[in-house]
């Protein structure tokens, strides 16, 4: 048992411990900002990758404002970019040689959100595609036309399906009914335009019989805005067909607490206008603003493993895998009768 004379000393040591610990932590060196993963010092370490790829990338402007990057895929000046980033207006490209040239959109692939662009410049160097796939944890380098990359990250998920943003018929179901009976029709949506009315019962969707509302919700979940669905409806004792075009709920129609895109933007910053609905996408954790989409995602050998297609949220950017990009490119060339050179 400690003597009474020792208690004041023990108490003093106990009270001083937090101060000692705090002092130790305060002496711990903080990581300099230029040493962060996307800091200047780190990006300079990946400069050789940019040097190998920057002449295969263009920066696309519409009316003088940068909207996307483009990946050169042909010696004749063809490049691929993210289609939904390209707006109406005068399209030009900045090259790595610090020269601005005219460009034009030749065609688009709506499914993959890719646009094929003609860059009016000579001597462009096509990107080199990686022969293999990717591995979770490997470096993901995002070069632009500068001497250092735009950002670096790591592969966080292998190629997988990204479901589309929710699109709606524009009805509210009667939850008191076991059948998909419509209780209300939302103004401005496809159901109203197709003549659907409250009290109608949906008996089939795209010629497939349905018996409950869950079947309808799950089926439509895989369709994007603009998709046309065929409904078989029963009104009283009569059945009839109606074609309904799906559409998403606009921000003006939903509050910030209900609209997931508004909440996401408030929490994570700007995301791509289209950030969902890709059949196959690689996921990586590079922080890319939407205008950096359209450029290649490359490995440490400077070979493209994919094409950046969407900034999804704070910790996720999607890239179409190289195999899918090349297939889409071949399809676009064939569709628009463009010979490979």
Protein backbone atom coordinates (compact mmCIF):
# COMPACT_ATOMS: atom_id res chain seq x y z
CA UNK A 1 0.00 0.00 0.00
CA UNK A 2 1.56 3.34 -1.07
CA UNK A 3 2.41 5.82 1.63
CA UNK A 4 0.51 9.08 1.88
CA UNK A 5 3.65 10.98 0.95
CA UNK A 6 3.68 9.24 -2.48
CA UNK A 7 0.09 10.16 -3.42
CA UNK A 8 0.72 13.81 -4.35
CA UNK A 9 3.57 12.73 -6.63
CA UNK A 10 1.44 10.06 -8.37
CA UNK A 11 -1.41 12.56 -8.81
CA UNK A 12 0.97 15.12 -10.35
CA UNK A 13 2.34 12.56 -12.81
CA UNK A 14 -1.16 11.45 -13.83
CA UNK A 15 -2.27 15.05 -14.43
CA UNK A 16 0.80 15.81 -16.53
CA UNK A 17 0.42 12.77 -18.84
CA UNK A 18 -2.06 14.38 -21.29
CA UNK A 19 0.17 17.42 -21.63
CA UNK A 20 3.16 15.21 -22.39
CA UNK A 21 1.20 13.26 -25.01
CA UNK A 22 -0.12 16.43 -26.60
CA UNK A 23 3.38 17.79 -26.77
CA UNK A 24 4.58 14.61 -28.50
CA UNK A 25 1.80 14.79 -31.11
CA UNK A 26 2.48 18.45 -31.78
CA UNK A 27 6.05 17.54 -32.69
CA UNK A 28 4.87 14.89 -35.20
CA UNK A 29 5.61 16.16 -38.72
CA UNK A 30 2.53 16.91 -40.83
CA UNK A 31 2.49 15.64 -44.41
CA UNK A 32 3.17 18.61 -46.70
CA UNK A 33 0.32 19.38 -49.08
CA UNK A 34 2.55 18.93 -52.12
CA UNK A 35 3.17 15.35 -50.96
CA UNK A 36 -0.52 14.40 -50.95
CA UNK A 37 -1.53 11.79 -53.48
CA UNK A 38 -2.67 14.52 -55.89
CA UNK A 39 -0.07 17.00 -54.66
CA UNK A 40 2.54 18.53 -56.92
CA UNK A 41 5.39 16.36 -55.67
CA UNK A 42 3.46 13.12 -56.14
CA UNK A 43 2.18 14.08 -59.59
CA UNK A 44 5.73 14.91 -60.68
CA UNK A 45 6.70 11.35 -59.80
CA UNK A 46 4.26 10.17 -62.49
CA UNK A 47 5.51 12.65 -65.11
CA UNK A 48 7.02 9.89 -67.32
CA UNK A 49 3.53 8.41 -67.72
CA UNK A 50 2.17 11.79 -68.83
CA UNK A 51 5.07 12.25 -71.23
CA UNK A 52 4.20 8.93 -72.87
CA UNK A 53 0.51 9.81 -73.28
CA UNK A 54 -0.06 13.61 -73.38
CA UNK A 55 0.26 13.81 -77.17
CA UNK A 56 -2.59 11.28 -77.42
CA UNK A 57 -4.97 13.54 -75.49
CA UNK A 58 -6.86 16.71 -76.43
CA UNK A 59 -8.73 19.20 -74.27
CA UNK A 60 -12.17 19.97 -75.72
CA UNK A 61 -13.66 23.45 -75.48
CA UNK A 62 -17.15 24.67 -76.40
CA UNK A 63 -17.30 28.41 -77.01
CA UNK A 64 -14.00 28.78 -75.19
CA UNK A 65 -14.95 26.80 -72.06
CA UNK A 66 -13.28 23.47 -71.34
CA UNK A 67 -15.91 20.71 -71.18
CA UNK A 68 -14.02 17.41 -71.50
CA UNK A 69 -10.84 15.62 -72.44
CA UNK A 70 -10.61 13.51 -75.58
CA UNK A 71 -8.58 10.38 -76.29
CA UNK A 72 -6.94 10.19 -79.73
CA UNK A 73 -7.67 6.80 -81.30
CA UNK A 74 -6.65 7.24 -84.94
CA UNK A 75 -3.77 8.82 -86.86
CA UNK A 76 -6.36 10.59 -88.99
CA UNK A 77 -7.44 12.76 -86.06
CA UNK A 78 -10.28 10.72 -84.57
CA UNK A 79 -10.82 11.01 -80.82
CA UNK A 80 -13.32 9.64 -78.32
CA UNK A 81 -14.84 11.67 -75.50
CA UNK A 82 -17.81 11.72 -73.12
CA UNK A 83 -20.83 12.60 -75.26
CA UNK A 84 -23.02 14.24 -72.62
CA UNK A 85 -20.28 16.78 -71.84
CA UNK A 86 -20.37 18.19 -75.38
CA UNK A 87 -22.92 20.99 -75.69
CA UNK A 88 -24.02 23.03 -78.69
CA UNK A 89 -21.55 25.68 -79.80
CA UNK A 90 -18.17 26.08 -81.45
CA UNK A 91 -16.03 23.03 -80.68
CA UNK A 92 -12.25 23.40 -80.54
CA UNK A 93 -9.37 21.38 -79.11
CA UNK A 94 -6.23 22.34 -77.27
CA UNK A 95 -3.29 20.06 -78.06
CA UNK A 96 -0.26 19.24 -75.92
CA UNK A 97 1.83 21.36 -78.32
CA UNK A 98 -0.13 24.40 -77.02
CA UNK A 99 -2.09 24.85 -80.21
CA UNK A 100 -5.87 25.25 -80.56
CA UNK A 101 -7.58 23.63 -83.54
CA UNK A 102 -11.14 23.15 -84.76
CA UNK A 103 -13.05 19.94 -84.12
CA UNK A 104 -16.42 18.41 -84.97
CA UNK A 105 -18.60 15.65 -83.57
CA UNK A 106 -19.07 12.85 -86.11
CA UNK A 107 -21.42 10.63 -84.14
CA UNK A 108 -22.34 9.32 -80.71
CA UNK A 109 -23.05 6.06 -78.93
CA UNK A 110 -25.87 6.76 -76.48
CA UNK A 111 -25.52 3.50 -74.57
CA UNK A 112 -21.90 4.11 -73.58
CA UNK A 113 -22.13 7.95 -73.62
CA UNK A 114 -19.25 8.18 -76.09
CA UNK A 115 -18.82 10.71 -78.90
CA UNK A 116 -16.52 10.30 -81.88
CA UNK A 117 -14.79 13.59 -82.70
CA UNK A 118 -12.72 14.68 -85.67
CA UNK A 119 -9.77 16.82 -84.59
CA UNK A 120 -8.52 19.00 -87.45
CA UNK A 121 -4.81 18.50 -86.85
CA UNK A 122 -2.04 16.46 -88.40
CA UNK A 123 0.38 14.08 -86.76
CA UNK A 124 -1.71 13.15 -83.74
CA UNK A 125 -0.52 10.08 -81.86
CA UNK A 126 -3.15 7.41 -81.08
CA UNK A 127 -3.32 6.12 -77.53
CA UNK A 128 -1.83 2.67 -76.91
CA UNK A 129 -4.23 0.22 -75.31
CA UNK A 130 -3.18 -2.22 -72.60
CA UNK A 131 -3.39 -5.87 -73.59
CA UNK A 132 -4.67 -7.15 -70.26
CA UNK A 133 -7.16 -6.07 -67.64
CA UNK A 134 -6.75 -4.38 -64.27
CA UNK A 135 -6.19 -5.53 -60.71
CA UNK A 136 -7.72 -4.06 -57.57
CA UNK A 137 -5.13 -1.88 -55.87
CA UNK A 138 -3.04 -1.06 -58.94
CA UNK A 139 -2.19 2.54 -59.80
CA UNK A 140 -4.71 4.46 -61.91
CA UNK A 141 -3.09 7.41 -63.68
CA UNK A 142 -5.19 10.13 -65.29
CA UNK A 143 -3.05 12.13 -67.73
CA UNK A 144 -4.05 15.28 -69.58
CA UNK A 145 -2.13 17.49 -72.01
CA UNK A 146 0.16 18.83 -69.25
CA UNK A 147 3.57 17.47 -68.30
CA UNK A 148 2.19 15.92 -65.10
CA UNK A 149 -1.02 13.90 -64.68
CA UNK A 150 -4.32 15.50 -63.75
CA UNK A 151 -4.71 13.02 -60.88
CA UNK A 152 -3.64 9.59 -59.67
CA UNK A 153 -5.52 6.97 -57.70
CA UNK A 154 -5.96 3.24 -57.40
CA UNK A 155 -8.35 0.72 -58.95
CA UNK A 156 -11.02 0.02 -56.34
CA UNK A 157 -13.39 -2.30 -58.26
CA UNK A 158 -13.13 -4.42 -61.37
CA UNK A 159 -15.40 -3.92 -64.36
CA UNK A 160 -19.05 -4.25 -63.32
CA UNK A 161 -22.50 -3.00 -64.26
CA UNK A 162 -23.61 0.43 -63.08
CA UNK A 163 -27.41 0.65 -62.97
CA UNK A 164 -29.02 3.70 -64.57
CA UNK A 165 -30.45 6.63 -62.66
CA UNK A 166 -34.03 5.96 -61.70
CA UNK A 167 -36.55 6.73 -64.45
CA UNK A 168 -40.28 6.83 -63.81
CA UNK A 169 -43.57 6.00 -65.53
CA UNK A 170 -45.20 8.76 -63.54
CA UNK A 171 -47.76 6.95 -61.40
CA UNK A 172 -48.39 6.26 -57.74
CA UNK A 173 -49.70 2.81 -56.87
CA UNK A 174 -52.55 2.01 -54.52
CA UNK A 175 -50.77 0.24 -51.67
CA UNK A 176 -54.08 -1.06 -50.35
CA UNK A 177 -54.39 -3.25 -53.44
CA UNK A 178 -52.44 -6.46 -54.03
CA UNK A 179 -52.51 -5.75 -57.78
CA UNK A 180 -50.58 -2.93 -59.55
CA UNK A 181 -53.54 -0.57 -59.39
CA UNK A 182 -52.82 3.09 -60.08
CA UNK A 183 -53.98 5.50 -57.40
CA UNK A 184 -52.70 8.72 -58.96
CA UNK A 185 -51.04 9.95 -62.17
CA UNK A 186 -48.21 12.49 -61.80
CA UNK A 187 -48.61 15.53 -64.10
CA UNK A 188 -46.00 15.97 -66.81
CA UNK A 189 -44.76 12.38 -66.91
CA UNK A 190 -45.20 9.77 -69.65
CA UNK A 191 -48.20 8.03 -68.09
CA UNK A 192 -50.30 11.20 -68.21
CA UNK A 193 -49.27 11.87 -71.81
CA UNK A 194 -50.22 8.29 -72.76
CA UNK A 195 -53.72 8.66 -71.31
CA UNK A 196 -53.24 6.51 -68.22
CA UNK A 197 -55.79 7.31 -65.49
CA UNK A 198 -56.22 6.69 -61.77
CA UNK A 199 -57.98 3.35 -61.23
CA UNK A 200 -56.27 1.63 -64.17
CA UNK A 201 -54.54 -1.67 -63.41
CA UNK A 202 -51.30 -2.66 -65.17
CA UNK A 203 -51.56 -6.26 -66.31
CA UNK A 204 -48.47 -6.51 -68.53
CA UNK A 205 -45.20 -4.66 -69.15
CA UNK A 206 -43.49 -5.09 -72.52
CA UNK A 207 -45.74 -8.10 -73.17
CA UNK A 208 -44.74 -9.80 -69.90
CA UNK A 209 -47.60 -10.42 -67.45
CA UNK A 210 -47.25 -8.68 -64.08
CA UNK A 211 -49.25 -9.32 -60.95
CA UNK A 212 -47.77 -6.87 -58.43
CA UNK A 213 -46.15 -3.44 -58.33
CA UNK A 214 -42.74 -4.80 -57.24
CA UNK A 215 -42.34 -6.55 -60.61
CA UNK A 216 -42.94 -3.27 -62.42
CA UNK A 217 -40.57 -1.25 -60.23
CA UNK A 218 -37.77 -3.80 -60.55
CA UNK A 219 -38.12 -4.10 -64.34
CA UNK A 220 -38.17 -0.35 -64.93
CA UNK A 221 -35.15 0.08 -62.65
CA UNK A 222 -32.94 -1.21 -65.48
CA UNK A 223 -34.20 1.36 -68.03
CA UNK A 224 -32.82 4.84 -68.58
CA UNK A 225 -34.72 8.05 -69.09
CA UNK A 226 -36.22 8.21 -72.57
CA UNK A 227 -36.88 4.46 -72.81
CA UNK A 228 -40.31 3.60 -74.24
CA UNK A 229 -42.24 0.89 -72.40
CA UNK A 230 -45.45 -0.81 -73.49
CA UNK A 231 -48.13 -1.14 -70.82
CA UNK A 232 -51.17 -3.39 -71.01
CA UNK A 233 -53.84 -1.81 -68.79
CA UNK A 234 -57.27 -2.81 -67.58
CA UNK A 235 -59.90 -0.12 -67.11
CA UNK A 236 -63.20 -1.43 -65.78
CA UNK A 237 -63.59 -4.66 -67.81
CA UNK A 238 -61.71 -3.46 -70.90
CA UNK A 239 -57.99 -3.94 -71.65
CA UNK A 240 -55.89 -1.66 -73.87
CA UNK A 241 -52.24 -0.83 -74.64
CA UNK A 242 -50.36 2.38 -73.96
CA UNK A 243 -46.77 3.37 -74.77
CA UNK A 244 -45.13 5.36 -71.99
CA UNK A 245 -41.81 7.17 -72.25
CA UNK A 246 -39.83 7.10 -69.02
CA UNK A 247 -38.32 10.23 -67.57
CA UNK A 248 -36.36 11.18 -64.50
CA UNK A 249 -37.61 13.49 -61.80
CA UNK A 250 -36.22 16.97 -62.29
CA UNK A 251 -34.61 18.83 -59.40
CA UNK A 252 -37.33 21.47 -59.60
CA UNK A 253 -39.90 18.77 -58.82
CA UNK A 254 -38.07 17.28 -55.85
CA UNK A 255 -36.68 18.85 -52.71
CA UNK A 256 -33.01 18.59 -51.84
CA UNK A 257 -33.92 16.10 -49.12
CA UNK A 258 -35.58 13.80 -51.65
CA UNK A 259 -33.47 14.29 -54.78
CA UNK A 260 -30.35 12.09 -54.40
CA UNK A 261 -28.40 14.12 -56.98
CA UNK A 262 -28.89 17.34 -55.02
CA UNK A 263 -27.82 15.64 -51.79
CA UNK A 264 -24.82 14.09 -53.52
CA UNK A 265 -23.70 17.39 -55.02
CA UNK A 266 -24.03 19.12 -51.66
CA UNK A 267 -21.90 16.47 -49.93
CA UNK A 268 -19.32 15.55 -52.56
CA UNK A 269 -19.10 18.36 -55.10
CA UNK A 270 -19.88 18.30 -58.79
CA UNK A 271 -20.61 14.93 -60.40
CA UNK A 272 -21.12 14.08 -64.05
CA UNK A 273 -24.49 14.87 -65.60
CA UNK A 274 -24.68 11.21 -66.53
CA UNK A 275 -22.98 9.14 -63.87
CA UNK A 276 -25.01 5.91 -64.12
CA UNK A 277 -26.26 3.41 -66.63
CA UNK A 278 -23.11 1.72 -67.93
CA UNK A 279 -23.04 -1.97 -68.78
CA UNK A 280 -19.39 -2.29 -67.76
CA UNK A 281 -17.23 0.17 -65.82
CA UNK A 282 -13.98 0.05 -63.88
CA UNK A 283 -14.11 1.98 -60.61
CA UNK A 284 -11.16 3.99 -59.25
CA UNK A 285 -10.77 6.57 -56.51
CA UNK A 286 -9.13 9.42 -58.45
CA UNK A 287 -10.78 12.78 -57.80
CA UNK A 288 -11.77 14.05 -61.26
CA UNK A 289 -14.14 16.92 -61.97
CA UNK A 290 -16.60 16.16 -64.80
CA UNK A 291 -14.59 18.08 -67.42
CA UNK A 292 -11.70 15.64 -67.01
CA UNK A 293 -13.83 12.75 -68.28
CA UNK A 294 -13.18 11.55 -71.81
CA UNK A 295 -9.47 11.08 -71.25
CA UNK A 296 -7.69 7.76 -70.85
CA UNK A 297 -7.10 5.85 -67.63
CA UNK A 298 -3.58 4.42 -67.92
CA UNK A 299 -1.27 2.06 -66.09
CA UNK A 300 2.36 2.69 -65.12
CA UNK A 301 3.48 1.60 -68.60
CA UNK A 302 1.49 4.44 -70.15
CA UNK A 303 -1.00 2.02 -71.71
CA UNK A 304 -4.71 2.81 -71.51
CA UNK A 305 -6.74 0.33 -69.48
CA UNK A 306 -9.92 2.35 -70.01
CA UNK A 307 -11.53 5.69 -70.77
CA UNK A 308 -12.83 7.88 -67.93
CA UNK A 309 -16.58 8.21 -68.38
CA UNK A 310 -18.06 9.66 -65.16
CA UNK A 311 -17.28 11.29 -61.84
CA UNK A 312 -19.75 9.41 -59.67
CA UNK A 313 -19.17 10.68 -56.13
CA UNK A 314 -16.50 11.73 -53.65
CA UNK A 315 -14.58 8.46 -53.83
CA UNK A 316 -15.58 6.96 -57.17
CA UNK A 317 -14.83 7.68 -60.81
CA UNK A 318 -15.90 5.26 -63.55
CA UNK A 319 -13.94 4.27 -66.64
CA UNK A 320 -15.14 2.14 -69.54
CA UNK A 321 -12.74 -0.81 -69.93
CA UNK A 322 -10.42 -0.74 -72.95
CA UNK A 323 -12.06 -3.78 -74.54
CA UNK A 324 -15.48 -2.10 -74.53
CA UNK A 325 -14.07 1.21 -75.77
CA UNK A 326 -12.42 -0.48 -78.76
CA UNK A 327 -15.62 -2.36 -79.60
CA UNK A 328 -17.63 0.87 -79.48
CA UNK A 329 -15.03 2.64 -81.61
CA UNK A 330 -15.24 -0.06 -84.28
CA UNK A 331 -19.03 0.19 -84.22
CA UNK A 332 -18.95 3.97 -84.62
CA UNK A 333 -16.44 3.79 -87.47
CA UNK A 334 -18.60 1.24 -89.25
CA UNK A 335 -21.80 3.21 -88.66
CA UNK A 336 -20.34 6.42 -90.01
CA UNK A 337 -18.25 4.65 -92.70
CA UNK A 338 -14.90 5.83 -91.41
CA UNK A 339 -11.95 3.79 -92.62
CA UNK A 340 -9.21 3.05 -90.12
CA UNK A 341 -5.84 4.56 -90.95
